[in-house]
Amino acid sequence: MSIKRMAGTTLIELIVAIVIVGTALAGLVAAYNRANIASTDPLITQQMLAIAESMMEEVMQKPFVAQPNQAGRLFFNDLMDYNGYGPVAVSNVNGGAVPGLGRYTVQVQVNQQAITGVAAADAMRVQVIVRAPGAQDLRLVGWRTRP
């Protein structure tokens, strides 16, 4: 009487295969997770840029020459009124919060600064800084000269 060997896998081979497949799967999930986290960065940066451009447009539309006014952004009527504005949460001109932008802050700095061929008294450097948690500050710089 002869004993016939059975073909198949042993329990140890099965466990080794499960460990190898599990390790490979964990590596893939980690790679996809990193890519997924990084994919939101451009969206945040684009949102910060839109906020900065909006504030820069508001500031640049104001007259160059200082005029008397009341306190508060609603009453800002010239470039220098914005100097030292913020950092505050993003809001509309009336001071109302903008839905979905509560985590961002904006700050404005306006300084006289000479540029080539233009005296310091006739040129203003406007810098808008937007901040978001977990992101680098976004700085947008513009120049305005006396008309």
Protein backbone atom coordinates (compact mmCIF):
# COMPACT_ATOMS: atom_id res chain seq x y z
CA MET A 1 0.00 0.00 0.00
CA SER A 2 1.37 3.35 -1.00
CA ILE A 3 0.62 6.74 0.53
CA LYS A 4 -0.37 9.40 -1.94
CA ARG A 5 0.70 12.97 -1.10
CA MET A 6 -1.97 15.62 -1.25
CA ALA A 7 -1.26 18.80 -3.19
CA GLY A 8 -2.13 22.24 -1.74
CA THR A 9 -0.85 24.96 0.53
CA THR A 10 0.11 24.74 4.13
CA LEU A 11 -1.11 27.03 6.85
CA ILE A 12 2.31 28.69 7.08
CA GLU A 13 2.36 29.44 3.35
CA LEU A 14 -1.11 30.97 3.62
CA ILE A 15 -0.08 33.21 6.54
CA VAL A 16 3.06 34.36 4.70
CA ALA A 17 0.99 35.21 1.61
CA ILE A 18 -1.50 37.21 3.70
CA VAL A 19 1.32 39.15 5.38
CA ILE A 20 2.94 40.00 2.02
CA VAL A 21 -0.34 41.12 0.44
CA GLY A 22 -1.24 43.12 3.57
CA THR A 23 2.11 44.92 3.58
CA ALA A 24 1.82 45.78 -0.12
CA LEU A 25 -1.73 47.04 0.39
CA ALA A 26 -0.66 49.20 3.36
CA GLY A 27 2.08 50.76 1.20
CA LEU A 28 -0.40 51.58 -1.56
CA VAL A 29 -2.89 53.11 0.87
CA ALA A 30 -0.13 55.27 2.40
CA ALA A 31 0.92 56.51 -1.05
CA TYR A 32 -2.66 57.34 -2.04
CA ASN A 33 -3.25 59.07 1.29
CA ARG A 34 -0.20 61.32 0.79
CA ALA A 35 -1.34 62.17 -2.75
CA ASN A 36 -4.86 62.88 -1.52
CA ILE A 37 -3.66 65.25 1.21
CA ALA A 38 -1.38 67.11 -1.22
CA SER A 39 -4.20 67.52 -3.74
CA THR A 40 -6.04 69.99 -1.46
CA ASP A 41 -3.05 72.36 -1.24
CA PRO A 42 -3.65 73.98 -4.66
CA LEU A 43 -7.30 74.56 -3.75
CA ILE A 44 -6.35 76.36 -0.53
CA THR A 45 -3.70 78.41 -2.34
CA GLN A 46 -6.18 79.38 -5.06
CA GLN A 47 -8.73 80.44 -2.44
CA MET A 48 -6.09 82.52 -0.65
CA LEU A 49 -5.11 84.16 -3.95
CA ALA A 50 -8.75 85.03 -4.71
CA ILE A 51 -9.09 86.66 -1.27
CA ALA A 52 -5.85 88.63 -1.74
CA GLU A 53 -6.83 89.80 -5.23
CA SER A 54 -10.25 90.91 -3.99
CA MET A 55 -8.76 92.94 -1.16
CA MET A 56 -6.04 94.37 -3.43
CA GLU A 57 -8.69 95.50 -5.91
CA GLU A 58 -10.67 97.18 -3.13
CA VAL A 59 -7.58 99.04 -1.88
CA MET A 60 -6.31 100.07 -5.33
CA GLN A 61 -9.65 101.60 -6.30
CA LYS A 62 -9.38 104.20 -3.53
CA PRO A 63 -7.94 107.68 -4.24
CA PHE A 64 -4.24 108.28 -3.64
CA VAL A 65 -4.65 111.53 -1.70
CA ALA A 66 -5.60 111.25 1.98
CA GLN A 67 -9.07 112.48 2.88
CA PRO A 68 -10.71 112.82 6.30
CA ASN A 69 -13.02 109.96 7.24
CA GLN A 70 -14.61 108.01 10.06
CA ALA A 71 -13.11 104.84 11.52
CA GLY A 72 -13.98 101.46 10.05
CA ARG A 73 -13.46 99.74 6.74
CA LEU A 74 -16.88 100.82 5.50
CA PHE A 75 -15.67 104.44 5.68
CA PHE A 76 -12.16 103.96 4.23
CA ASN A 77 -11.86 106.50 1.42
CA ASP A 78 -8.15 106.57 0.50
CA LEU A 79 -5.15 104.24 0.26
CA MET A 80 -3.57 105.09 3.61
CA ASP A 81 -6.76 104.23 5.50
CA TYR A 82 -5.96 100.56 4.83
CA ASN A 83 -2.47 100.73 6.37
CA GLY A 84 -2.44 98.47 9.42
CA TYR A 85 -5.76 96.83 8.57
CA GLY A 86 -5.94 93.35 10.09
CA PRO A 87 -5.16 90.62 10.59
CA VAL A 88 -8.89 90.04 10.69
CA ALA A 89 -11.23 87.33 9.45
CA VAL A 90 -12.30 87.74 5.84
CA SER A 91 -15.42 89.91 5.67
CA ASN A 92 -17.30 92.03 3.17
CA VAL A 93 -17.05 95.84 3.18
CA ASN A 94 -19.95 96.10 5.62
CA GLY A 95 -18.16 93.85 8.11
CA GLY A 96 -20.32 90.77 7.52
CA ALA A 97 -18.63 87.38 7.58
CA VAL A 98 -18.22 85.64 4.23
CA PRO A 99 -19.60 82.07 4.48
CA GLY A 100 -16.93 79.39 4.13
CA LEU A 101 -13.98 81.75 4.63
CA GLY A 102 -13.95 81.89 8.43
CA ARG A 103 -10.59 80.13 8.71
CA TYR A 104 -8.77 82.73 6.58
CA THR A 105 -7.42 86.08 7.81
CA VAL A 106 -6.37 89.11 5.78
CA GLN A 107 -3.98 91.94 6.57
CA VAL A 108 -3.03 95.06 4.59
CA GLN A 109 0.11 97.20 4.78
CA VAL A 110 0.47 100.45 2.82
CA ASN A 111 3.82 102.26 2.82
CA GLN A 112 5.37 105.13 0.91
CA GLN A 113 8.30 103.78 -1.05
CA ALA A 114 10.36 105.29 -3.83
CA ILE A 115 10.55 103.42 -7.11
CA THR A 116 12.71 104.17 -10.14
CA GLY A 117 11.95 107.70 -11.30
CA VAL A 118 9.20 108.29 -8.71
CA ALA A 119 9.70 109.97 -5.32
CA ALA A 120 8.62 108.16 -2.15
CA ALA A 121 5.87 110.73 -1.54
CA ASP A 122 4.36 109.87 -4.92
CA ALA A 123 4.43 106.05 -4.70
CA MET A 124 2.67 103.61 -2.40
CA ARG A 125 3.51 99.95 -1.94
CA VAL A 126 0.44 97.92 -1.01
CA GLN A 127 0.91 94.45 0.47
CA VAL A 128 -1.99 92.11 1.20
CA ILE A 129 -1.23 89.09 3.39
CA VAL A 130 -3.66 86.18 3.60
CA ARG A 131 -3.24 83.42 6.18
CA ALA A 132 -4.87 80.02 6.56
CA PRO A 133 -4.19 77.37 9.21
CA GLY A 134 -1.64 74.83 8.02
CA ALA A 135 -0.67 76.83 4.93
CA GLN A 136 2.07 79.32 4.13
CA ASP A 137 1.18 83.00 4.10
CA LEU A 138 0.25 84.35 0.69
CA ARG A 139 1.58 87.85 0.00
CA LEU A 140 0.34 89.95 -2.89
CA VAL A 141 2.17 93.22 -3.58
CA GLY A 142 0.97 96.10 -5.72
CA TRP A 143 2.19 99.61 -6.47
CA ARG A 144 0.20 102.80 -6.80
CA THR A 145 1.55 106.16 -7.91
CA ARG A 146 0.13 109.64 -7.64
CA PRO A 147 -1.85 110.45 -10.81
